[in-house]
Amino acid sequence: MTDPRDLRAGNADRDAVVASLHEAVAAGRLDPEELGPRVDAARSARTFGDLDDVVADLPITPPSVSLTGQGAAGQGATDGQGLVAGQGIVGGQSQPSDSLVSRADAPVRRWPSGEPVDRGPIGESPENPLFIDAGWSSDKRQGDWVIPQFLRLRGGVGSVHLDCTEAISSHNVIHVWVEGDLGSITIVVPEGWAADAESVQKSLGSIYIKVPKEPTMGRPILVINGAMGMGSLTVRPPNWFERRKLEKKLR
């Protein structure tokens, strides 16, 4: 996938940074006159890297690092501690470090013993997203399935269809990485959901976003990154047939 710094930030992420800035003023780490410009920068931030820059000189975990759940792990590649490259030291214990590179197909990270490192539940980090690959066929999700915070969708030469109208999500921001290839990716979302696909590279493909860029309060936004190649990406509300089908099911 991509460096977490390049992932698009959502309103909840910006709000968290603004709250940290106010705490820094209260703690005497920031002068009051510095607060306004930094808050403006946080509010206008588009990516997690932009948010990192706002708090770069403060003793808090950068937003992009919090996103990966890695905390303050060191690099450890040449630290003389006998660690293999890509590891660090935290609290006197050897810890894995991802160099903040988020790739679902990256080589398995291993401890010095050779045992693989558990990357956590699927979909809960950008390095271990829920990966749906259509390949030469099609893949579909529908009904009351659980949407994780991080997804990777590959169209291949087939089609990926995600019906989110009955899906369960507990996240305000859902990060979606798309790889269109020659296939199609369709995401159907309920009323009130939003999608931001401005960072997706269109290439020779097509992108159709038929929902707002700002969600209704309490509803999530899909922040979409990636490249479509020669494929197509569509994010839309349910059509007449899908609405009718859902209404019958809810009776």
Protein backbone atom coordinates (compact mmCIF):
# COMPACT_ATOMS: atom_id res chain seq x y z
CA MET A 1 0.00 0.00 0.00
CA THR A 2 1.53 3.33 1.01
CA ASP A 3 3.31 5.24 3.72
CA PRO A 4 0.75 6.11 6.45
CA ARG A 5 1.93 9.75 6.17
CA ASP A 6 0.36 9.82 2.70
CA LEU A 7 -3.05 8.54 3.83
CA ARG A 8 -5.84 11.09 3.89
CA ALA A 9 -6.84 12.38 7.34
CA GLY A 10 -10.44 12.76 8.47
CA ASN A 11 -12.23 15.25 10.70
CA ALA A 12 -11.76 13.05 13.77
CA ASP A 13 -8.00 12.94 13.13
CA ARG A 14 -7.82 16.72 12.80
CA ASP A 15 -9.89 17.19 15.95
CA ALA A 16 -7.50 14.96 17.91
CA VAL A 17 -4.52 17.08 16.86
CA VAL A 18 -6.33 20.32 17.74
CA ALA A 19 -7.08 18.89 21.19
CA SER A 20 -3.38 18.02 21.60
CA LEU A 21 -2.44 21.60 20.69
CA HIS A 22 -4.74 23.01 23.36
CA GLU A 23 -3.22 20.61 25.90
CA ALA A 24 0.26 21.76 24.86
CA VAL A 25 -0.70 25.39 25.52
CA ALA A 26 -2.12 24.46 28.92
CA ALA A 27 1.11 22.61 29.74
CA GLY A 28 3.26 25.59 28.71
CA ARG A 29 4.82 23.84 25.73
CA LEU A 30 3.26 26.22 23.22
CA ASP A 31 2.87 29.97 23.46
CA PRO A 32 -0.77 31.12 23.16
CA GLU A 33 0.07 33.14 20.03
CA GLU A 34 1.28 29.94 18.35
CA LEU A 35 -2.02 28.17 18.88
CA GLY A 36 -4.08 29.93 16.19
CA PRO A 37 -1.76 29.25 13.23
CA ARG A 38 -1.26 25.63 14.27
CA VAL A 39 -4.97 25.02 14.67
CA ASP A 40 -5.53 26.49 11.20
CA ALA A 41 -2.83 24.18 9.82
CA ALA A 42 -4.41 21.17 11.54
CA ARG A 43 -7.88 22.04 10.25
CA SER A 44 -6.59 22.36 6.69
CA ALA A 45 -4.42 19.21 6.82
CA ARG A 46 -5.17 16.74 4.05
CA THR A 47 -2.88 13.86 5.04
CA PHE A 48 -1.49 12.32 8.21
CA GLY A 49 1.90 13.69 7.15
CA ASP A 50 0.47 17.21 7.28
CA LEU A 51 -0.78 16.53 10.81
CA ASP A 52 2.64 15.14 11.79
CA ASP A 53 4.23 18.43 10.74
CA VAL A 54 1.87 20.42 12.97
CA VAL A 55 3.05 18.59 16.12
CA ALA A 56 6.59 17.69 15.01
CA ASP A 57 8.25 19.67 17.85
CA LEU A 58 5.90 18.46 20.59
CA PRO A 59 6.52 15.39 22.78
CA ILE A 60 3.51 13.46 21.50
CA THR A 61 3.16 10.48 19.19
CA PRO A 62 2.85 11.64 15.56
CA PRO A 63 -0.64 10.98 14.17
CA SER A 64 0.71 8.73 11.41
CA VAL A 65 2.50 6.57 13.98
CA SER A 66 -0.64 6.35 16.12
CA LEU A 67 -2.44 5.19 12.96
CA THR A 68 -0.16 2.19 12.63
CA GLY A 69 -0.29 1.40 16.35
CA GLN A 70 3.49 1.30 16.50
CA GLY A 71 4.09 3.98 19.14
CA ALA A 72 7.70 5.13 19.44
CA ALA A 73 9.55 2.06 18.23
CA GLY A 74 13.11 2.81 17.19
CA GLN A 75 14.65 1.90 13.88
CA GLY A 76 17.27 -0.47 15.27
CA ALA A 77 18.80 -1.41 11.93
CA THR A 78 22.34 -0.49 13.03
CA ASP A 79 22.03 -0.09 16.78
CA GLY A 80 24.55 -2.73 17.76
CA GLN A 81 22.00 -4.60 19.85
CA GLY A 82 22.06 -7.73 17.72
CA LEU A 83 18.70 -6.95 16.13
CA VAL A 84 17.98 -7.74 12.54
CA ALA A 85 17.20 -4.83 10.21
CA GLY A 86 13.79 -3.27 10.76
CA GLN A 87 13.63 -3.77 14.52
CA GLY A 88 13.91 -1.45 17.50
CA ILE A 89 14.12 -1.28 21.27
CA VAL A 90 11.22 -0.30 23.51
CA GLY A 91 11.46 -0.64 27.26
CA GLY A 92 14.59 -2.74 26.97
CA GLN A 93 12.84 -5.33 24.80
CA SER A 94 13.37 -5.97 21.12
CA GLN A 95 10.38 -4.75 19.15
CA PRO A 96 9.42 -4.96 15.47
CA SER A 97 9.52 -1.78 13.46
CA ASP A 98 7.73 -1.32 10.16
CA SER A 99 9.64 1.79 9.02
CA LEU A 100 6.08 3.09 8.70
CA VAL A 101 5.72 1.35 5.35
CA SER A 102 2.21 0.06 4.87
CA ARG A 103 2.08 -2.87 2.47
CA ALA A 104 -0.41 -5.70 2.65
CA ASP A 105 1.93 -7.81 0.51
CA ALA A 106 5.12 -6.90 2.40
CA PRO A 107 7.42 -9.71 3.61
CA VAL A 108 6.46 -11.16 6.96
CA ARG A 109 8.30 -9.39 9.79
CA ARG A 110 10.17 -11.71 12.13
CA TRP A 111 11.71 -11.60 15.59
CA PRO A 112 15.43 -12.46 15.96
CA SER A 113 14.31 -16.01 16.79
CA GLY A 114 12.82 -16.29 13.32
CA GLU A 115 9.22 -16.42 14.55
CA PRO A 116 6.79 -14.26 12.58
CA VAL A 117 5.46 -11.11 14.23
CA ASP A 118 1.70 -10.97 14.68
CA ARG A 119 0.46 -7.95 12.70
CA GLY A 120 -2.80 -7.92 14.64
CA PRO A 121 -6.37 -8.53 13.51
CA ILE A 122 -7.06 -8.11 9.81
CA GLY A 123 -8.31 -4.65 8.97
CA GLU A 124 -7.10 -2.89 12.12
CA SER A 125 -3.87 -1.41 10.71
CA PRO A 126 -2.78 -0.06 7.31
CA GLU A 127 -0.13 -2.76 7.03
CA ASN A 128 -2.68 -5.54 7.51
CA PRO A 129 -5.89 -4.43 5.78
CA LEU A 130 -8.83 -6.57 4.78
CA PHE A 131 -7.69 -7.58 1.28
CA ILE A 132 -10.37 -8.31 -1.32
CA ASP A 133 -8.98 -9.40 -4.68
CA ALA A 134 -11.34 -10.15 -7.56
CA GLY A 135 -8.62 -11.78 -9.66
CA TRP A 136 -10.20 -13.22 -12.80
CA SER A 137 -13.62 -13.49 -11.23
CA SER A 138 -15.67 -11.40 -8.78
CA ASP A 139 -15.85 -10.87 -5.05
CA LYS A 140 -18.81 -9.45 -3.19
CA ARG A 141 -19.65 -8.40 0.38
CA GLN A 142 -23.24 -7.80 1.40
CA GLY A 143 -25.62 -8.16 4.32
CA ASP A 144 -24.59 -7.38 7.91
CA TRP A 145 -20.84 -7.78 7.43
CA VAL A 146 -18.37 -5.85 9.60
CA ILE A 147 -16.35 -3.15 7.84
CA PRO A 148 -12.86 -2.72 9.33
CA GLN A 149 -11.00 0.59 9.36
CA PHE A 150 -8.55 -0.43 6.63
CA LEU A 151 -9.38 -2.17 3.34
CA ARG A 152 -7.46 -2.98 0.19
CA LEU A 153 -9.49 -3.67 -2.94
CA ARG A 154 -8.06 -5.06 -6.19
CA GLY A 155 -10.21 -5.27 -9.29
CA GLY A 156 -7.88 -7.50 -11.31
CA VAL A 157 -9.78 -8.34 -14.46
CA GLY A 158 -12.97 -9.02 -12.54
CA SER A 159 -15.14 -7.01 -10.16
CA VAL A 160 -15.29 -6.15 -6.47
CA HIS A 161 -18.71 -5.15 -5.11
CA LEU A 162 -19.12 -3.94 -1.52
CA ASP A 163 -22.69 -3.39 -0.38
CA CYS A 164 -22.47 -1.39 2.85
CA THR A 165 -26.17 -0.67 3.25
CA GLU A 166 -26.51 -3.21 6.07
CA ALA A 167 -22.89 -3.31 7.11
CA ILE A 168 -21.63 -2.64 10.62
CA SER A 169 -18.93 -0.04 11.20
CA SER A 170 -17.64 1.59 14.39
CA HIS A 171 -15.18 3.93 12.66
CA ASN A 172 -15.65 7.58 11.68
CA VAL A 173 -12.97 7.26 8.99
CA ILE A 174 -12.54 4.15 6.84
CA HIS A 175 -9.35 4.01 4.77
CA VAL A 176 -9.65 2.23 1.43
CA TRP A 177 -6.73 1.47 -0.90
CA VAL A 178 -7.84 0.64 -4.45
CA GLU A 179 -6.01 -1.04 -7.33
CA GLY A 180 -8.27 -1.03 -10.36
CA ASP A 181 -6.08 -2.90 -12.84
CA LEU A 182 -8.57 -3.87 -15.61
CA GLY A 183 -11.49 -4.55 -13.31
CA SER A 184 -14.24 -2.64 -11.56
CA ILE A 185 -14.68 -1.67 -7.93
CA THR A 186 -18.13 -0.64 -6.72
CA ILE A 187 -18.98 0.51 -3.20
CA VAL A 188 -22.63 1.06 -2.27
CA VAL A 189 -23.09 3.16 0.87
CA PRO A 190 -26.11 4.15 2.98
CA GLU A 191 -27.53 7.66 3.16
CA GLY A 192 -25.33 10.01 5.15
CA TRP A 193 -22.04 8.30 4.30
CA ALA A 194 -19.40 10.23 2.38
CA ALA A 195 -16.36 9.50 0.22
CA ASP A 196 -13.19 11.38 -0.64
CA ALA A 197 -11.32 9.94 -3.62
CA GLU A 198 -9.33 13.01 -4.66
CA SER A 199 -6.02 11.21 -4.05
CA VAL A 200 -6.85 8.27 -6.33
CA GLN A 201 -4.83 8.26 -9.57
CA LYS A 202 -7.27 7.93 -12.43
CA SER A 203 -4.72 6.87 -15.09
CA LEU A 204 -6.71 5.42 -18.03
CA GLY A 205 -9.57 4.35 -15.81
CA SER A 206 -12.69 6.06 -14.53
CA ILE A 207 -13.85 7.34 -11.15
CA TYR A 208 -17.48 8.07 -10.27
CA ILE A 209 -18.20 9.39 -6.78
CA LYS A 210 -21.93 9.91 -6.39
CA VAL A 211 -22.06 10.66 -2.65
CA PRO A 212 -21.08 13.82 -0.72
CA LYS A 213 -17.55 14.58 0.46
CA GLU A 214 -18.77 15.38 3.97
CA PRO A 215 -20.73 12.82 6.01
CA THR A 216 -23.80 13.40 8.08
CA MET A 217 -22.95 13.68 11.78
CA GLY A 218 -22.30 10.23 13.20
CA ARG A 219 -21.79 8.66 9.79
CA PRO A 220 -18.41 7.54 8.38
CA ILE A 221 -16.39 8.82 5.47
CA LEU A 222 -14.45 6.60 3.08
CA VAL A 223 -11.00 8.08 2.47
CA ILE A 224 -9.81 6.42 -0.73
CA ASN A 225 -6.25 6.22 -2.07
CA GLY A 226 -4.62 4.20 -4.84
CA ALA A 227 -4.64 3.99 -8.63
CA MET A 228 -7.27 2.75 -11.04
CA GLY A 229 -5.09 1.73 -13.97
CA MET A 230 -7.62 0.90 -16.70
CA GLY A 231 -10.35 -0.05 -14.25
CA SER A 232 -13.33 1.79 -12.79
CA LEU A 233 -14.23 2.96 -9.31
CA THR A 234 -17.79 3.81 -8.35
CA VAL A 235 -19.05 4.92 -4.94
CA ARG A 236 -22.81 5.42 -4.94
CA PRO A 237 -25.99 5.22 -2.89
CA PRO A 238 -28.26 2.21 -3.39
CA ASN A 239 -30.27 2.22 -6.60
CA TRP A 240 -34.04 1.76 -6.80
CA PHE A 241 -33.84 -2.02 -6.93
CA GLU A 242 -31.44 -2.22 -3.99
CA ARG A 243 -33.57 0.15 -1.90
CA ARG A 244 -36.70 -1.84 -2.69
CA LYS A 245 -34.95 -5.09 -1.77
CA LEU A 246 -33.76 -3.61 1.54
CA GLU A 247 -37.22 -2.25 2.36
CA LYS A 248 -38.78 -5.69 1.83
CA LYS A 249 -36.12 -7.27 4.03
CA LEU A 250 -36.80 -4.82 6.86
CA ARG A 251 -40.57 -5.39 6.85
